[in-house]
N, C-alpha and C. Protein backbone atom coordinates (compact mmCIF):
# COMPACT_ATOMS: atom_id res chain seq x y z
N UNK A 1 0.78 -1.17 -0.03
CA UNK A 1 0.01 -0.02 0.06
C UNK A 1 0.95 1.21 -0.12
N UNK A 2 0.55 2.28 -0.72
CA UNK A 2 1.42 3.43 -0.85
C UNK A 2 1.09 4.29 0.38
N UNK A 3 2.31 5.29 0.54
CA UNK A 3 2.02 6.16 1.71
C UNK A 3 0.67 6.99 1.70
N UNK A 4 0.34 7.40 0.43
CA UNK A 4 -0.79 8.24 0.20
C UNK A 4 -2.23 7.49 0.50
N UNK A 5 -2.18 6.15 0.05
CA UNK A 5 -3.29 5.37 0.25
C UNK A 5 -3.46 4.98 1.70
N UNK A 6 -2.45 4.73 2.33
CA UNK A 6 -2.56 4.46 3.79
C UNK A 6 -2.96 5.69 4.72
N UNK A 7 -2.50 6.76 4.23
CA UNK A 7 -2.83 8.01 5.11
C UNK A 7 -4.25 8.26 4.65
N UNK A 8 -4.77 8.18 3.68
CA UNK A 8 -6.12 8.45 3.11
C UNK A 8 -7.04 7.47 4.05
N UNK A 9 -6.66 6.12 4.16
CA UNK A 9 -7.46 5.29 4.94
C UNK A 9 -7.34 5.66 6.52
N UNK A 10 -6.26 6.22 7.07
CA UNK A 10 -6.08 6.60 8.34
C UNK A 10 -6.92 7.89 8.58
N UNK A 11 -7.03 8.72 7.54
CA UNK A 11 -7.81 9.99 7.78
C UNK A 11 -9.25 9.80 7.98
N UNK A 12 -9.77 8.65 7.49
CA UNK A 12 -11.10 8.42 7.68
C UNK A 12 -11.46 7.45 8.91
N UNK A 13 -10.40 7.46 9.76
CA UNK A 13 -10.54 6.76 11.00
C UNK A 13 -11.53 7.34 11.88
N UNK A 14 -12.17 6.45 12.70
CA UNK A 14 -13.17 6.89 13.71
C UNK A 14 -12.62 7.53 14.85
N UNK A 15 -11.14 7.15 15.06
CA UNK A 15 -10.41 7.67 16.16
C UNK A 15 -9.75 8.96 15.66
N UNK A 16 -10.32 10.07 16.36
CA UNK A 16 -9.74 11.33 16.14
C UNK A 16 -8.21 11.45 16.07
N UNK A 17 -7.53 10.98 17.05
CA UNK A 17 -5.99 11.07 17.03
C UNK A 17 -5.51 10.40 15.71
N UNK A 18 -5.83 9.32 15.34
CA UNK A 18 -5.39 8.72 14.19
C UNK A 18 -5.83 9.58 13.01
N UNK A 19 -7.14 10.08 12.89
CA UNK A 19 -7.43 10.80 11.84
C UNK A 19 -6.61 12.20 11.70
N UNK A 20 -6.57 12.91 12.76
CA UNK A 20 -5.76 14.26 12.63
C UNK A 20 -4.43 14.01 12.37
N UNK A 21 -3.77 13.02 12.74
CA UNK A 21 -2.27 12.77 12.46
C UNK A 21 -2.22 12.49 10.97
N UNK A 22 -3.12 11.87 10.45
CA UNK A 22 -3.16 11.48 9.04
C UNK A 22 -3.41 12.64 8.23
N UNK A 23 -4.26 13.52 8.70
CA UNK A 23 -4.60 14.83 7.97
C UNK A 23 -3.31 15.80 7.86
N UNK A 24 -2.55 15.73 8.92
CA UNK A 24 -1.44 16.42 9.04
C UNK A 24 -0.22 15.99 8.01
N UNK A 25 -0.16 14.71 8.15
CA UNK A 25 0.79 13.89 7.21
C UNK A 25 0.34 14.07 5.78
N UNK A 26 -0.93 14.01 5.44
CA UNK A 26 -1.25 14.36 4.16
C UNK A 26 -0.96 15.84 3.69
N UNK A 27 -1.24 16.77 4.58
CA UNK A 27 -0.81 18.11 4.35
C UNK A 27 0.59 18.35 3.97
N UNK A 28 1.48 17.60 4.65
CA UNK A 28 2.80 17.76 4.36
C UNK A 28 3.23 17.00 3.22
N UNK A 29 2.62 15.86 2.87
CA UNK A 29 2.91 15.16 1.62
C UNK A 29 2.49 16.05 0.43
N UNK A 30 1.50 16.79 0.58
CA UNK A 30 0.81 17.49 -0.55
C UNK A 30 1.85 18.78 -0.71
N UNK A 31 2.29 19.33 0.36
CA UNK A 31 3.20 20.47 0.26
C UNK A 31 4.57 20.01 -0.41
N UNK A 32 5.07 18.83 -0.21
CA UNK A 32 6.36 18.32 -0.71
C UNK A 32 5.91 18.03 -2.27
N UNK A 33 4.89 17.37 -2.54
CA UNK A 33 4.55 17.20 -4.10
C UNK A 33 4.34 18.59 -4.72
N UNK A 34 3.64 19.59 -4.18
CA UNK A 34 3.67 20.75 -4.93
C UNK A 34 4.80 21.40 -5.20
N UNK A 35 5.70 21.53 -4.12
CA UNK A 35 6.98 22.07 -4.28
C UNK A 35 7.77 21.53 -5.26
N UNK A 36 7.75 20.10 -5.39
CA UNK A 36 8.56 19.47 -6.46
C UNK A 36 8.11 19.65 -7.86
N UNK A 37 6.67 19.69 -7.90
CA UNK A 37 6.14 20.13 -9.43
C UNK A 37 6.28 21.52 -9.72
N UNK A 38 6.38 22.42 -8.78
CA UNK A 38 6.53 23.82 -9.09
C UNK A 38 7.94 23.98 -9.67
N UNK A 39 8.93 23.26 -8.96
CA UNK A 39 10.18 23.31 -9.40
C UNK A 39 10.37 22.79 -10.72
N UNK A 40 9.71 21.63 -11.07
CA UNK A 40 9.87 21.05 -12.42
C UNK A 40 9.30 21.94 -13.32
N UNK A 41 8.05 22.65 -13.06
CA UNK A 41 7.54 23.61 -14.14
C UNK A 41 8.47 24.69 -14.25
N UNK A 42 9.10 25.32 -13.18
CA UNK A 42 10.00 26.38 -13.47
C UNK A 42 11.15 25.99 -14.38
N UNK A 43 11.82 24.77 -13.98
CA UNK A 43 12.87 24.26 -14.79
C UNK A 43 12.56 24.09 -16.41
N UNK A 44 11.06 23.92 -16.60
CA UNK A 44 10.73 23.69 -18.04
C UNK A 44 10.25 24.97 -18.58
N UNK A 45 10.41 26.00 -17.83
CA UNK A 45 10.17 27.38 -18.45
C UNK A 45 8.78 27.90 -18.23
N UNK A 46 8.00 27.26 -17.24
CA UNK A 46 6.71 27.76 -17.07
C UNK A 46 6.66 29.07 -16.28
N UNK A 47 5.76 29.94 -16.56
CA UNK A 47 5.60 31.19 -15.97
C UNK A 47 4.85 31.05 -14.52
N UNK A 48 5.12 32.08 -13.55
CA UNK A 48 4.47 32.05 -12.26
C UNK A 48 2.99 31.98 -12.70
N UNK A 49 2.46 32.63 -13.58
CA UNK A 49 1.05 32.67 -13.79
C UNK A 49 0.42 31.32 -14.38
N UNK A 50 1.22 30.34 -15.11
CA UNK A 50 0.80 29.32 -15.52
C UNK A 50 0.69 28.38 -14.34
N UNK A 51 1.65 28.44 -13.37
CA UNK A 51 1.76 27.66 -12.22
C UNK A 51 0.62 27.88 -11.33
N UNK A 52 0.49 29.08 -11.12
CA UNK A 52 -0.67 29.72 -10.21
C UNK A 52 -1.99 29.18 -10.73
N UNK A 53 -2.17 29.23 -12.02
CA UNK A 53 -3.61 28.77 -12.55
C UNK A 53 -3.70 27.34 -12.24
N UNK A 54 -2.73 26.51 -12.43
CA UNK A 54 -2.96 25.08 -12.15
C UNK A 54 -3.13 24.68 -10.63
N UNK A 55 -2.59 25.50 -9.65
CA UNK A 55 -2.87 25.26 -8.38
C UNK A 55 -3.84 26.05 -7.81
N UNK A 56 -4.47 26.89 -8.44
CA UNK A 56 -5.73 27.84 -7.94
C UNK A 56 -5.30 28.86 -7.00
N UNK A 57 -4.20 29.66 -7.19
CA UNK A 57 -3.84 30.73 -6.19
C UNK A 57 -3.37 31.69 -7.31
N UNK A 58 -3.18 32.97 -6.71
CA UNK A 58 -2.55 34.08 -7.57
C UNK A 58 -1.12 33.87 -7.96
N UNK A 59 -0.71 34.59 -8.93
CA UNK A 59 0.70 34.70 -9.27
C UNK A 59 1.54 35.08 -8.27
N UNK A 60 1.05 36.09 -7.58
CA UNK A 60 1.83 36.73 -6.45
C UNK A 60 2.11 35.63 -5.35
N UNK A 61 0.97 34.96 -5.03
CA UNK A 61 1.07 33.92 -3.95
C UNK A 61 2.08 32.88 -4.25
N UNK A 62 1.93 32.34 -5.38
CA UNK A 62 2.95 31.22 -5.87
C UNK A 62 4.38 31.78 -5.92
N UNK A 63 4.66 32.87 -6.37
CA UNK A 63 5.92 33.60 -6.54
C UNK A 63 6.47 33.92 -4.99
N UNK A 64 5.72 34.25 -4.04
CA UNK A 64 6.03 34.61 -2.76
C UNK A 64 6.53 33.23 -2.02
N UNK A 65 5.59 32.28 -2.29
CA UNK A 65 5.97 30.94 -1.72
C UNK A 65 7.17 30.19 -2.30
N UNK A 66 7.35 30.37 -3.54
CA UNK A 66 8.50 29.45 -4.27
C UNK A 66 9.47 30.26 -4.95
N UNK A 67 9.18 31.46 -5.02
CA UNK A 67 10.17 32.55 -6.03
C UNK A 67 11.62 32.67 -5.34
N UNK A 68 11.69 32.68 -4.06
CA UNK A 68 12.96 32.91 -3.43
C UNK A 68 13.93 31.66 -3.34
N UNK A 69 15.20 31.80 -3.70
CA UNK A 69 15.98 30.72 -3.47
C UNK A 69 16.31 30.67 -1.99
N UNK A 70 16.55 29.43 -1.46
CA UNK A 70 16.93 29.27 -0.06
C UNK A 70 18.15 29.98 0.20
N UNK A 71 18.37 30.45 1.52
CA UNK A 71 19.42 31.42 1.92
C UNK A 71 20.76 30.78 1.52
N UNK A 72 21.01 29.47 1.59
CA UNK A 72 22.31 29.10 1.27
C UNK A 72 22.45 29.05 -0.32
N UNK A 73 21.59 28.93 -1.07
CA UNK A 73 21.67 29.05 -2.44
C UNK A 73 21.80 30.56 -2.74
N UNK A 74 21.20 31.41 -2.18
CA UNK A 74 21.40 32.88 -2.44
C UNK A 74 22.85 33.36 -2.25
N UNK A 75 23.40 32.79 -1.16
CA UNK A 75 24.85 33.15 -0.99
C UNK A 75 25.80 32.65 -2.13
N UNK A 76 25.40 31.33 -2.62
CA UNK A 76 26.34 30.74 -3.58
C UNK A 76 26.12 31.63 -4.95
N UNK A 77 24.91 32.09 -5.14
CA UNK A 77 24.63 32.86 -6.36
C UNK A 77 25.07 34.33 -6.29
N UNK A 78 25.58 34.67 -5.13
CA UNK A 78 26.00 36.06 -4.83
C UNK A 78 24.87 37.05 -4.62
N UNK A 79 23.79 36.56 -4.23
CA UNK A 79 22.47 37.38 -4.12
C UNK A 79 22.01 37.45 -2.64
N UNK A 80 22.98 37.43 -1.68
CA UNK A 80 22.72 37.46 -0.12
C UNK A 80 22.21 38.96 0.03
N UNK A 81 21.11 39.03 0.87
CA UNK A 81 20.52 40.32 1.22
C UNK A 81 20.59 40.43 2.66
């Protein structure tokens, strides 16, 4: 059984502790998946607007969330602020 399938089953548990832990894990999984696909889209030349349309947020929101390089990468690129 895949992680997603197992978590989906646990999310429908009648035990609130099990269900809530599963919901949190699903949220974290969704965030990791989204970040990976946003990175792939940018590597393939997608605009922030195209990405935003696919995930149902504004261009500004997706750029704010994913547009900045991590601090370590900014230093490497000479863009430390």
